[in-house]
Every structure is written in C-alpha cells, then in structure tokens.
Amino acid sequence: MFGRSESEQIRTLLRVIEKQQQTIDGMADRLMYLVGQTWTPPPITSQPIEEIPEEEPVYSAFHGLPPTEDWDGSEPD
C-alpha cells in the first residue's frame, strides 16, 4: 500500500472502511437475530427537518415594575 500513489491509497482505504462497515452491519444483524429481535433503521425521509421555534423569554411577576427601595437582604424589624 505504501508504494502506491496517494489516490490509490485513498481508494484502498475507502474499500477497507467499506468492508469493515459491512462486517459490522453483518455482526449487528446476527447479534439481533440471536437475541430474538429484528432491527431495521428508520427510513430516510427527504422532508426537511422541522425547525424548533425559539422559546419566549421568561419574566418574573416583578418584571417592568419600578424598584421600591434598596434592600440589603436583611429581615425587616
């Protein structure tokens, strides 16, 4: 492999990766068969992915009210 040109190396590596993926898929199918379950991937749809609408900001009940006085966090007398 190291005596080949770069494009040949890339094609060889891509074939190796494809063969490994086929082996992994075959092993996963056999495993699922052995445990008694069949697995089929969800269908690939050509529909666009639905956008999630942005959430509106959450305001407290005091939002927009003018400040009453400075409070230092202590209890009133």
N, C-alpha and C. Protein backbone atom coordinates (compact mmCIF):
# COMPACT_ATOMS: atom_id res chain seq x y z
N MET A 1 0.82 -1.19 0.00
CA MET A 1 0.00 0.00 0.00
C MET A 1 0.86 1.25 0.00
N PHE A 2 2.04 1.19 0.64
CA PHE A 2 2.85 2.40 0.75
C PHE A 2 3.60 2.72 -0.53
N GLY A 3 3.67 1.77 -1.47
CA GLY A 3 4.33 2.03 -2.73
C GLY A 3 3.38 2.62 -3.76
N ARG A 4 2.13 2.81 -3.42
CA ARG A 4 1.12 3.31 -4.35
C ARG A 4 1.04 4.83 -4.29
N SER A 5 0.38 5.38 -5.32
CA SER A 5 0.17 6.82 -5.31
C SER A 5 -0.89 7.18 -4.27
N GLU A 6 -1.02 8.45 -3.98
CA GLU A 6 -1.95 8.90 -2.94
C GLU A 6 -3.39 8.55 -3.28
N SER A 7 -3.79 8.72 -4.54
CA SER A 7 -5.17 8.41 -4.91
C SER A 7 -5.45 6.91 -4.79
N GLU A 8 -4.47 6.06 -5.10
CA GLU A 8 -4.65 4.62 -4.93
C GLU A 8 -4.75 4.26 -3.46
N GLN A 9 -3.95 4.93 -2.63
CA GLN A 9 -4.02 4.69 -1.18
C GLN A 9 -5.39 5.07 -0.64
N ILE A 10 -5.90 6.19 -1.10
CA ILE A 10 -7.21 6.65 -0.64
C ILE A 10 -8.29 5.67 -1.05
N ARG A 11 -8.25 5.21 -2.31
CA ARG A 11 -9.24 4.24 -2.78
C ARG A 11 -9.14 2.94 -1.98
N THR A 12 -7.91 2.50 -1.70
CA THR A 12 -7.72 1.27 -0.92
C THR A 12 -8.27 1.44 0.49
N LEU A 13 -7.99 2.57 1.12
CA LEU A 13 -8.50 2.83 2.47
C LEU A 13 -10.02 2.91 2.47
N LEU A 14 -10.61 3.52 1.47
CA LEU A 14 -12.06 3.60 1.38
C LEU A 14 -12.68 2.21 1.22
N ARG A 15 -12.03 1.33 0.43
CA ARG A 15 -12.53 -0.05 0.30
C ARG A 15 -12.42 -0.80 1.62
N VAL A 16 -11.33 -0.59 2.35
CA VAL A 16 -11.17 -1.24 3.65
C VAL A 16 -12.25 -0.76 4.62
N ILE A 17 -12.49 0.54 4.64
CA ILE A 17 -13.52 1.09 5.53
C ILE A 17 -14.89 0.54 5.16
N GLU A 18 -15.19 0.46 3.86
CA GLU A 18 -16.48 -0.07 3.42
C GLU A 18 -16.63 -1.54 3.83
N LYS A 19 -15.57 -2.31 3.67
CA LYS A 19 -15.61 -3.73 4.05
C LYS A 19 -15.80 -3.87 5.56
N GLN A 20 -15.13 -3.03 6.34
CA GLN A 20 -15.31 -3.07 7.80
C GLN A 20 -16.74 -2.71 8.18
N GLN A 21 -17.34 -1.73 7.50
CA GLN A 21 -18.70 -1.34 7.80
C GLN A 21 -19.67 -2.47 7.47
N GLN A 22 -19.42 -3.18 6.37
CA GLN A 22 -20.25 -4.34 6.02
C GLN A 22 -20.13 -5.43 7.08
N THR A 23 -18.91 -5.65 7.57
CA THR A 23 -18.70 -6.65 8.61
C THR A 23 -19.44 -6.26 9.88
N ILE A 24 -19.34 -5.00 10.27
CA ILE A 24 -20.04 -4.51 11.47
C ILE A 24 -21.54 -4.66 11.31
N ASP A 25 -22.08 -4.30 10.15
CA ASP A 25 -23.52 -4.43 9.90
C ASP A 25 -23.95 -5.88 9.98
N GLY A 26 -23.16 -6.78 9.39
CA GLY A 26 -23.49 -8.20 9.44
C GLY A 26 -23.46 -8.75 10.85
N MET A 27 -22.48 -8.33 11.63
CA MET A 27 -22.39 -8.79 13.02
C MET A 27 -23.55 -8.25 13.85
N ALA A 28 -23.94 -7.00 13.62
CA ALA A 28 -25.05 -6.42 14.35
C ALA A 28 -26.34 -7.15 14.01
N ASP A 29 -26.54 -7.49 12.72
CA ASP A 29 -27.73 -8.23 12.33
C ASP A 29 -27.76 -9.61 12.98
N ARG A 30 -26.62 -10.29 12.99
CA ARG A 30 -26.56 -11.62 13.62
C ARG A 30 -26.83 -11.54 15.11
N LEU A 31 -26.28 -10.53 15.75
CA LEU A 31 -26.50 -10.37 17.19
C LEU A 31 -27.97 -10.13 17.48
N MET A 32 -28.60 -9.27 16.72
CA MET A 32 -30.02 -9.00 16.93
C MET A 32 -30.84 -10.26 16.67
N TYR A 33 -30.46 -11.06 15.67
CA TYR A 33 -31.17 -12.31 15.39
C TYR A 33 -31.02 -13.28 16.56
N LEU A 34 -29.81 -13.35 17.13
CA LEU A 34 -29.56 -14.28 18.23
C LEU A 34 -30.35 -13.92 19.49
N VAL A 35 -30.57 -12.63 19.72
CA VAL A 35 -31.34 -12.24 20.90
C VAL A 35 -32.84 -12.18 20.60
N GLY A 36 -33.22 -12.52 19.38
CA GLY A 36 -34.62 -12.62 19.05
C GLY A 36 -35.29 -11.33 18.63
N GLN A 37 -34.51 -10.37 18.25
CA GLN A 37 -35.09 -9.10 17.82
C GLN A 37 -34.60 -8.79 16.42
N THR A 38 -35.45 -8.18 15.66
CA THR A 38 -35.01 -7.70 14.36
C THR A 38 -34.94 -6.19 14.43
N TRP A 39 -34.00 -5.65 13.76
CA TRP A 39 -33.80 -4.21 13.79
C TRP A 39 -33.74 -3.70 12.37
N THR A 40 -34.53 -2.70 12.11
CA THR A 40 -34.44 -2.03 10.82
C THR A 40 -34.29 -0.55 11.10
N PRO A 41 -33.37 0.08 10.43
CA PRO A 41 -33.18 1.51 10.68
C PRO A 41 -34.38 2.30 10.22
N PRO A 42 -34.62 3.45 10.80
CA PRO A 42 -35.75 4.27 10.36
C PRO A 42 -35.53 4.71 8.92
N PRO A 43 -36.60 4.88 8.17
CA PRO A 43 -36.44 5.27 6.77
C PRO A 43 -35.88 6.68 6.66
N ILE A 44 -35.10 6.87 5.64
CA ILE A 44 -34.54 8.20 5.37
C ILE A 44 -35.60 8.98 4.61
N THR A 45 -35.98 10.09 5.17
CA THR A 45 -37.01 10.90 4.52
C THR A 45 -36.36 12.08 3.83
N SER A 46 -37.01 12.51 2.78
CA SER A 46 -36.49 13.67 2.06
C SER A 46 -37.14 14.95 2.56
N GLN A 47 -37.95 14.83 3.61
CA GLN A 47 -38.60 16.01 4.15
C GLN A 47 -37.60 16.81 4.97
N PRO A 48 -37.70 18.13 4.91
CA PRO A 48 -36.77 18.94 5.71
C PRO A 48 -37.03 18.74 7.20
N ILE A 49 -36.00 18.90 7.97
CA ILE A 49 -36.12 18.78 9.42
C ILE A 49 -36.89 19.98 9.96
N GLU A 50 -37.85 19.70 10.81
CA GLU A 50 -38.69 20.75 11.36
C GLU A 50 -37.87 21.62 12.31
N GLU A 51 -37.97 22.92 12.11
CA GLU A 51 -37.24 23.83 12.99
C GLU A 51 -37.96 23.95 14.33
N ILE A 52 -37.18 24.00 15.37
CA ILE A 52 -37.74 24.17 16.71
C ILE A 52 -37.92 25.67 16.95
N PRO A 53 -39.15 26.10 17.26
CA PRO A 53 -39.34 27.53 17.48
C PRO A 53 -38.60 28.00 18.72
N GLU A 54 -38.15 29.23 18.66
CA GLU A 54 -37.45 29.79 19.81
C GLU A 54 -38.43 30.03 20.95
N GLU A 55 -37.97 29.76 22.15
CA GLU A 55 -38.82 29.98 23.31
C GLU A 55 -38.88 31.46 23.64
N GLU A 56 -40.04 31.88 24.11
CA GLU A 56 -40.18 33.27 24.52
C GLU A 56 -39.45 33.46 25.84
N PRO A 57 -38.90 34.65 26.07
CA PRO A 57 -38.21 34.86 27.34
C PRO A 57 -39.17 34.77 28.52
N VAL A 58 -38.66 34.27 29.62
CA VAL A 58 -39.48 34.12 30.83
C VAL A 58 -39.23 35.33 31.73
N TYR A 59 -40.31 35.94 32.15
CA TYR A 59 -40.21 37.11 33.01
C TYR A 59 -40.82 36.77 34.37
N SER A 60 -40.32 37.43 35.40
CA SER A 60 -40.91 37.25 36.72
C SER A 60 -42.14 38.15 36.85
N ALA A 61 -42.86 37.95 37.93
CA ALA A 61 -44.06 38.78 38.17
C ALA A 61 -43.68 40.23 38.42
N PHE A 62 -42.43 40.48 38.77
CA PHE A 62 -41.99 41.83 39.07
C PHE A 62 -41.36 42.53 37.88
N HIS A 63 -41.35 41.87 36.74
CA HIS A 63 -40.71 42.44 35.55
C HIS A 63 -41.43 43.73 35.13
N GLY A 64 -40.68 44.75 34.93
CA GLY A 64 -41.24 46.01 34.46
C GLY A 64 -41.68 46.95 35.58
N LEU A 65 -41.75 46.46 36.81
CA LEU A 65 -42.13 47.33 37.92
C LEU A 65 -40.94 48.16 38.35
N PRO A 66 -41.19 49.39 38.77
CA PRO A 66 -40.06 50.21 39.23
C PRO A 66 -39.57 49.69 40.58
N PRO A 67 -38.29 49.85 40.85
CA PRO A 67 -37.78 49.40 42.15
C PRO A 67 -38.40 50.23 43.27
N THR A 68 -38.67 49.57 44.39
CA THR A 68 -39.30 50.27 45.50
C THR A 68 -38.27 50.92 46.40
N GLU A 69 -37.31 50.20 46.88
CA GLU A 69 -36.23 50.74 47.69
C GLU A 69 -35.10 49.74 47.67
N ASP A 70 -33.94 50.20 48.10
CA ASP A 70 -32.80 49.29 48.17
C ASP A 70 -33.00 48.32 49.31
N TRP A 71 -32.79 47.06 49.04
CA TRP A 71 -32.95 46.02 50.07
C TRP A 71 -31.63 45.34 50.24
N ASP A 72 -31.16 45.26 51.48
CA ASP A 72 -29.85 44.65 51.74
C ASP A 72 -29.95 43.16 52.05
N GLY A 73 -31.12 42.59 51.99
CA GLY A 73 -31.28 41.17 52.23
C GLY A 73 -31.60 40.83 53.67
N SER A 74 -31.67 41.81 54.58
CA SER A 74 -31.95 41.53 55.96
C SER A 74 -33.47 41.55 56.18
N GLU A 75 -33.90 40.95 57.28
CA GLU A 75 -35.30 40.91 57.63
C GLU A 75 -35.75 42.26 58.17
N PRO A 76 -36.99 42.66 57.91
CA PRO A 76 -37.46 43.94 58.48
C PRO A 76 -37.61 43.83 59.99
N ASP A 77 -37.56 44.96 60.67
CA ASP A 77 -37.66 44.98 62.13
C ASP A 77 -39.01 44.66 62.62
